[in-house]
Amino acid sequence: MVFRLDRITATGRSVPARALPGDDPVAFVAGRLAAVPTRHRAVVTVSASAE
């Protein structure tokens, strides 16, 4: 299954940003993903600066 962000329709509502636990967002996401048994592999490419 593929979810393309350029094809998702906006609802006009926004969700307020929240702080990630810890100081390293990559470690946070990797830890959460490693804790769940998976059947699928996802690859995400973001064309944006780190800022």
PDB file of N, CA and C in Angstrom:
ATOM      1  N   MET A   1       0.841  -1.171   0.000  1.00  0.00           N
ATOM      2  CA  MET A   1       0.000   0.000   0.000  1.00  0.00           C
ATOM      3  C   MET A   1       0.890   1.239   0.000  1.00  0.00           C
ATOM      4  N   VAL A   2       0.555   2.211  -0.814  1.00  0.00           N
ATOM      5  CA  VAL A   2       1.345   3.429  -0.931  1.00  0.00           C
ATOM      6  C   VAL A   2       0.459   4.617  -0.596  1.00  0.00           C
ATOM      7  N   PHE A   3       0.931   5.475   0.292  1.00  0.00           N
ATOM      8  CA  PHE A   3       0.240   6.719   0.617  1.00  0.00           C
ATOM      9  C   PHE A   3       1.091   7.859   0.090  1.00  0.00           C
ATOM     10  N   ARG A   4       0.622   8.538  -0.921  1.00  0.00           N
ATOM     11  CA  ARG A   4       1.365   9.664  -1.502  1.00  0.00           C
ATOM     12  C   ARG A   4       0.844  10.966  -0.919  1.00  0.00           C
ATOM     13  N   LEU A   5       1.743  11.728  -0.311  1.00  0.00           N
ATOM     14  CA  LEU A   5       1.337  12.976   0.312  1.00  0.00           C
ATOM     15  C   LEU A   5       0.783  13.975  -0.684  1.00  0.00           C
ATOM     16  N   ASP A   6       1.247  13.922  -1.930  1.00  0.00           N
ATOM     17  CA  ASP A   6       0.741  14.865  -2.920  1.00  0.00           C
ATOM     18  C   ASP A   6      -0.678  14.534  -3.375  1.00  0.00           C
ATOM     19  N   ARG A   7      -1.216  13.391  -2.939  1.00  0.00           N
ATOM     20  CA  ARG A   7      -2.575  13.014  -3.317  1.00  0.00           C
ATOM     21  C   ARG A   7      -3.549  13.023  -2.147  1.00  0.00           C
ATOM     22  N   ILE A   8      -3.090  13.433  -0.987  1.00  0.00           N
ATOM     23  CA  ILE A   8      -3.964  13.498   0.182  1.00  0.00           C
ATOM     24  C   ILE A   8      -4.666  14.852   0.184  1.00  0.00           C
ATOM     25  N   THR A   9      -5.963  14.834   0.342  1.00  0.00           N
ATOM     26  CA  THR A   9      -6.741  16.063   0.349  1.00  0.00           C
ATOM     27  C   THR A   9      -6.755  16.656   1.755  1.00  0.00           C
ATOM     28  N   ALA A  10      -6.471  17.933   1.854  1.00  0.00           N
ATOM     29  CA  ALA A  10      -6.481  18.617   3.144  1.00  0.00           C
ATOM     30  C   ALA A  10      -7.913  18.866   3.584  1.00  0.00           C
ATOM     31  N   THR A  11      -8.149  18.774   4.876  1.00  0.00           N
ATOM     32  CA  THR A  11      -9.490  18.989   5.416  1.00  0.00           C
ATOM     33  C   THR A  11      -9.676  20.415   5.915  1.00  0.00           C
ATOM     34  N   GLY A  12      -8.611  21.201   5.931  1.00  0.00           N
ATOM     35  CA  GLY A  12      -8.714  22.550   6.452  1.00  0.00           C
ATOM     36  C   GLY A  12      -8.432  22.622   7.936  1.00  0.00           C
ATOM     37  N   ARG A  13      -8.386  21.477   8.595  1.00  0.00           N
ATOM     38  CA  ARG A  13      -8.080  21.433  10.023  1.00  0.00           C
ATOM     39  C   ARG A  13      -6.601  21.148  10.197  1.00  0.00           C
ATOM     40  N   SER A  14      -6.031  21.656  11.254  1.00  0.00           N
ATOM     41  CA  SER A  14      -4.624  21.372  11.530  1.00  0.00           C
ATOM     42  C   SER A  14      -4.485  20.776  12.926  1.00  0.00           C
ATOM     43  N   VAL A  15      -3.438  20.041  13.098  1.00  0.00           N
ATOM     44  CA  VAL A  15      -3.142  19.422  14.381  1.00  0.00           C
ATOM     45  C   VAL A  15      -1.952  20.158  14.974  1.00  0.00           C
ATOM     46  N   PRO A  16      -2.055  20.614  16.209  1.00  0.00           N
ATOM     47  CA  PRO A  16      -0.925  21.341  16.797  1.00  0.00           C
ATOM     48  C   PRO A  16       0.307  20.440  16.933  1.00  0.00           C
ATOM     49  N   ALA A  17       1.450  21.022  16.658  1.00  0.00           N
ATOM     50  CA  ALA A  17       2.706  20.269  16.792  1.00  0.00           C
ATOM     51  C   ALA A  17       2.949  19.939  18.255  1.00  0.00           C
ATOM     52  N   ARG A  18       3.577  18.801  18.493  1.00  0.00           N
ATOM     53  CA  ARG A  18       3.937  18.447  19.861  1.00  0.00           C
ATOM     54  C   ARG A  18       5.403  18.068  19.898  1.00  0.00           C
ATOM     55  N   ALA A  19       6.001  18.258  21.018  1.00  0.00           N
ATOM     56  CA  ALA A  19       7.424  17.946  21.173  1.00  0.00           C
ATOM     57  C   ALA A  19       7.629  16.439  21.216  1.00  0.00           C
ATOM     58  N   LEU A  20       8.691  15.976  20.565  1.00  0.00           N
ATOM     59  CA  LEU A  20       9.037  14.556  20.637  1.00  0.00           C
ATOM     60  C   LEU A  20       9.721  14.270  21.960  1.00  0.00           C
ATOM     61  N   PRO A  21       9.467  13.111  22.527  1.00  0.00           N
ATOM     62  CA  PRO A  21      10.181  12.747  23.741  1.00  0.00           C
ATOM     63  C   PRO A  21      11.669  12.560  23.435  1.00  0.00           C
ATOM     64  N   GLY A  22      12.529  13.075  24.275  1.00  0.00           N
ATOM     65  CA  GLY A  22      13.973  12.930  24.070  1.00  0.00           C
ATOM     66  C   GLY A  22      14.518  14.013  23.162  1.00  0.00           C
ATOM     67  N   ASP A  23      15.815  13.937  22.904  1.00  0.00           N
ATOM     68  CA  ASP A  23      16.476  14.966  22.113  1.00  0.00           C
ATOM     69  C   ASP A  23      16.769  14.545  20.677  1.00  0.00           C
ATOM     70  N   ASP A  24      16.558  13.270  20.340  1.00  0.00           N
ATOM     71  CA  ASP A  24      16.936  12.765  19.021  1.00  0.00           C
ATOM     72  C   ASP A  24      15.713  12.178  18.316  1.00  0.00           C
ATOM     73  N   PRO A  25      15.121  12.930  17.369  1.00  0.00           N
ATOM     74  CA  PRO A  25      13.929  12.419  16.693  1.00  0.00           C
ATOM     75  C   PRO A  25      14.170  11.124  15.928  1.00  0.00           C
ATOM     76  N   VAL A  26      15.341  10.952  15.339  1.00  0.00           N
ATOM     77  CA  VAL A  26      15.643   9.727  14.589  1.00  0.00           C
ATOM     78  C   VAL A  26      15.655   8.527  15.534  1.00  0.00           C
ATOM     79  N   ALA A  27      16.286   8.674  16.687  1.00  0.00           N
ATOM     80  CA  ALA A  27      16.325   7.585  17.670  1.00  0.00           C
ATOM     81  C   ALA A  27      14.922   7.274  18.187  1.00  0.00           C
ATOM     82  N   PHE A  28      14.103   8.296  18.369  1.00  0.00           N
ATOM     83  CA  PHE A  28      12.727   8.097  18.832  1.00  0.00           C
ATOM     84  C   PHE A  28      11.935   7.255  17.836  1.00  0.00           C
ATOM     85  N   VAL A  29      11.965   7.637  16.567  1.00  0.00           N
ATOM     86  CA  VAL A  29      11.218   6.901  15.541  1.00  0.00           C
ATOM     87  C   VAL A  29      11.773   5.487  15.377  1.00  0.00           C
ATOM     88  N   ALA A  30      13.093   5.349  15.339  1.00  0.00           N
ATOM     89  CA  ALA A  30      13.710   4.026  15.188  1.00  0.00           C
ATOM     90  C   ALA A  30      13.338   3.116  16.354  1.00  0.00           C
ATOM     91  N   GLY A  31      13.337   3.655  17.550  1.00  0.00           N
ATOM     92  CA  GLY A  31      12.973   2.862  18.729  1.00  0.00           C
ATOM     93  C   GLY A  31      11.528   2.421  18.703  1.00  0.00           C
ATOM     94  N   ARG A  32      10.641   3.310  18.277  1.00  0.00           N
ATOM     95  CA  ARG A  32       9.219   2.965  18.192  1.00  0.00           C
ATOM     96  C   ARG A  32       8.983   1.899  17.127  1.00  0.00           C
ATOM     97  N   LEU A  33       9.649   2.033  15.987  1.00  0.00           N
ATOM     98  CA  LEU A  33       9.470   1.057  14.917  1.00  0.00           C
ATOM     99  C   LEU A  33      10.057  -0.301  15.282  1.00  0.00           C
ATOM    100  N   ALA A  34      11.169  -0.291  16.007  1.00  0.00           N
ATOM    101  CA  ALA A  34      11.818  -1.553  16.378  1.00  0.00           C
ATOM    102  C   ALA A  34      11.005  -2.324  17.416  1.00  0.00           C
ATOM    103  N   ALA A  35      10.141  -1.645  18.151  1.00  0.00           N
ATOM    104  CA  ALA A  35       9.378  -2.286  19.218  1.00  0.00           C
ATOM    105  C   ALA A  35       8.135  -3.019  18.705  1.00  0.00           C
ATOM    106  N   VAL A  36       7.785  -2.820  17.442  1.00  0.00           N
ATOM    107  CA  VAL A  36       6.561  -3.395  16.894  1.00  0.00           C
ATOM    108  C   VAL A  36       6.920  -4.431  15.838  1.00  0.00           C
ATOM    109  N   PRO A  37       6.343  -5.635  15.934  1.00  0.00           N
ATOM    110  CA  PRO A  37       6.594  -6.618  14.874  1.00  0.00           C
ATOM    111  C   PRO A  37       5.997  -6.120  13.559  1.00  0.00           C
ATOM    112  N   THR A  38       6.747  -6.246  12.493  1.00  0.00           N
ATOM    113  CA  THR A  38       6.274  -5.714  11.211  1.00  0.00           C
ATOM    114  C   THR A  38       6.222  -6.797  10.139  1.00  0.00           C
ATOM    115  N   ARG A  39       5.353  -6.583   9.199  1.00  0.00           N
ATOM    116  CA  ARG A  39       5.282  -7.442   8.027  1.00  0.00           C
ATOM    117  C   ARG A  39       5.671  -6.686   6.777  1.00  0.00           C
ATOM    118  N   HIS A  40       5.805  -5.367   6.904  1.00  0.00           N
ATOM    119  CA  HIS A  40       6.065  -4.526   5.742  1.00  0.00           C
ATOM    120  C   HIS A  40       7.273  -3.635   6.009  1.00  0.00           C
ATOM    121  N   ARG A  41       7.932  -3.237   4.954  1.00  0.00           N
ATOM    122  CA  ARG A  41       9.061  -2.321   5.042  1.00  0.00           C
ATOM    123  C   ARG A  41       8.653  -1.018   4.364  1.00  0.00           C
ATOM    124  N   ALA A  42       8.944   0.096   5.009  1.00  0.00           N
ATOM    125  CA  ALA A  42       8.599   1.402   4.436  1.00  0.00           C
ATOM    126  C   ALA A  42       9.872   2.211   4.239  1.00  0.00           C
ATOM    127  N   VAL A  43       9.944   2.913   3.116  1.00  0.00           N
ATOM    128  CA  VAL A  43      11.058   3.813   2.832  1.00  0.00           C
ATOM    129  C   VAL A  43      10.456   5.184   2.582  1.00  0.00           C
ATOM    130  N   VAL A  44      10.942   6.180   3.297  1.00  0.00           N
ATOM    131  CA  VAL A  44      10.432   7.534   3.162  1.00  0.00           C
ATOM    132  C   VAL A  44      11.566   8.440   2.684  1.00  0.00           C
ATOM    133  N   THR A  45      11.312   9.197   1.640  1.00  0.00           N
ATOM    134  CA  THR A  45      12.281  10.168   1.150  1.00  0.00           C
ATOM    135  C   THR A  45      11.672  11.556   1.288  1.00  0.00           C
ATOM    136  N   VAL A  46      12.354  12.421   2.008  1.00  0.00           N
ATOM    137  CA  VAL A  46      11.864  13.786   2.221  1.00  0.00           C
ATOM    138  C   VAL A  46      12.824  14.735   1.519  1.00  0.00           C
ATOM    139  N   SER A  47      12.299  15.497   0.590  1.00  0.00           N
ATOM    140  CA  SER A  47      13.112  16.473  -0.137  1.00  0.00           C
ATOM    141  C   SER A  47      12.960  17.838   0.538  1.00  0.00           C
ATOM    142  N   ALA A  48      13.659  18.016   1.639  1.00  0.00           N
ATOM    143  CA  ALA A  48      13.584  19.262   2.388  1.00  0.00           C
ATOM    144  C   ALA A  48      14.831  19.390   3.239  1.00  0.00           C
ATOM    145  N   SER A  49      15.102  20.599   3.659  1.00  0.00           N
ATOM    146  CA  SER A  49      16.249  20.800   4.538  1.00  0.00           C
ATOM    147  C   SER A  49      15.909  20.313   5.944  1.00  0.00           C
ATOM    148  N   ALA A  50      16.901  20.090   6.753  1.00  0.00           N
ATOM    149  CA  ALA A  50      16.687  19.616   8.121  1.00  0.00           C
ATOM    150  C   ALA A  50      16.005  20.661   8.982  1.00  0.00           C
ATOM    151  N   GLU A  51      16.122  21.926   8.641  1.00  0.00           N
ATOM    152  CA  GLU A  51      15.480  22.976   9.420  1.00  0.00           C
ATOM    153  C   GLU A  51      13.979  22.876   9.259  1.00  0.00           C
TER     154      GLU A  51
END
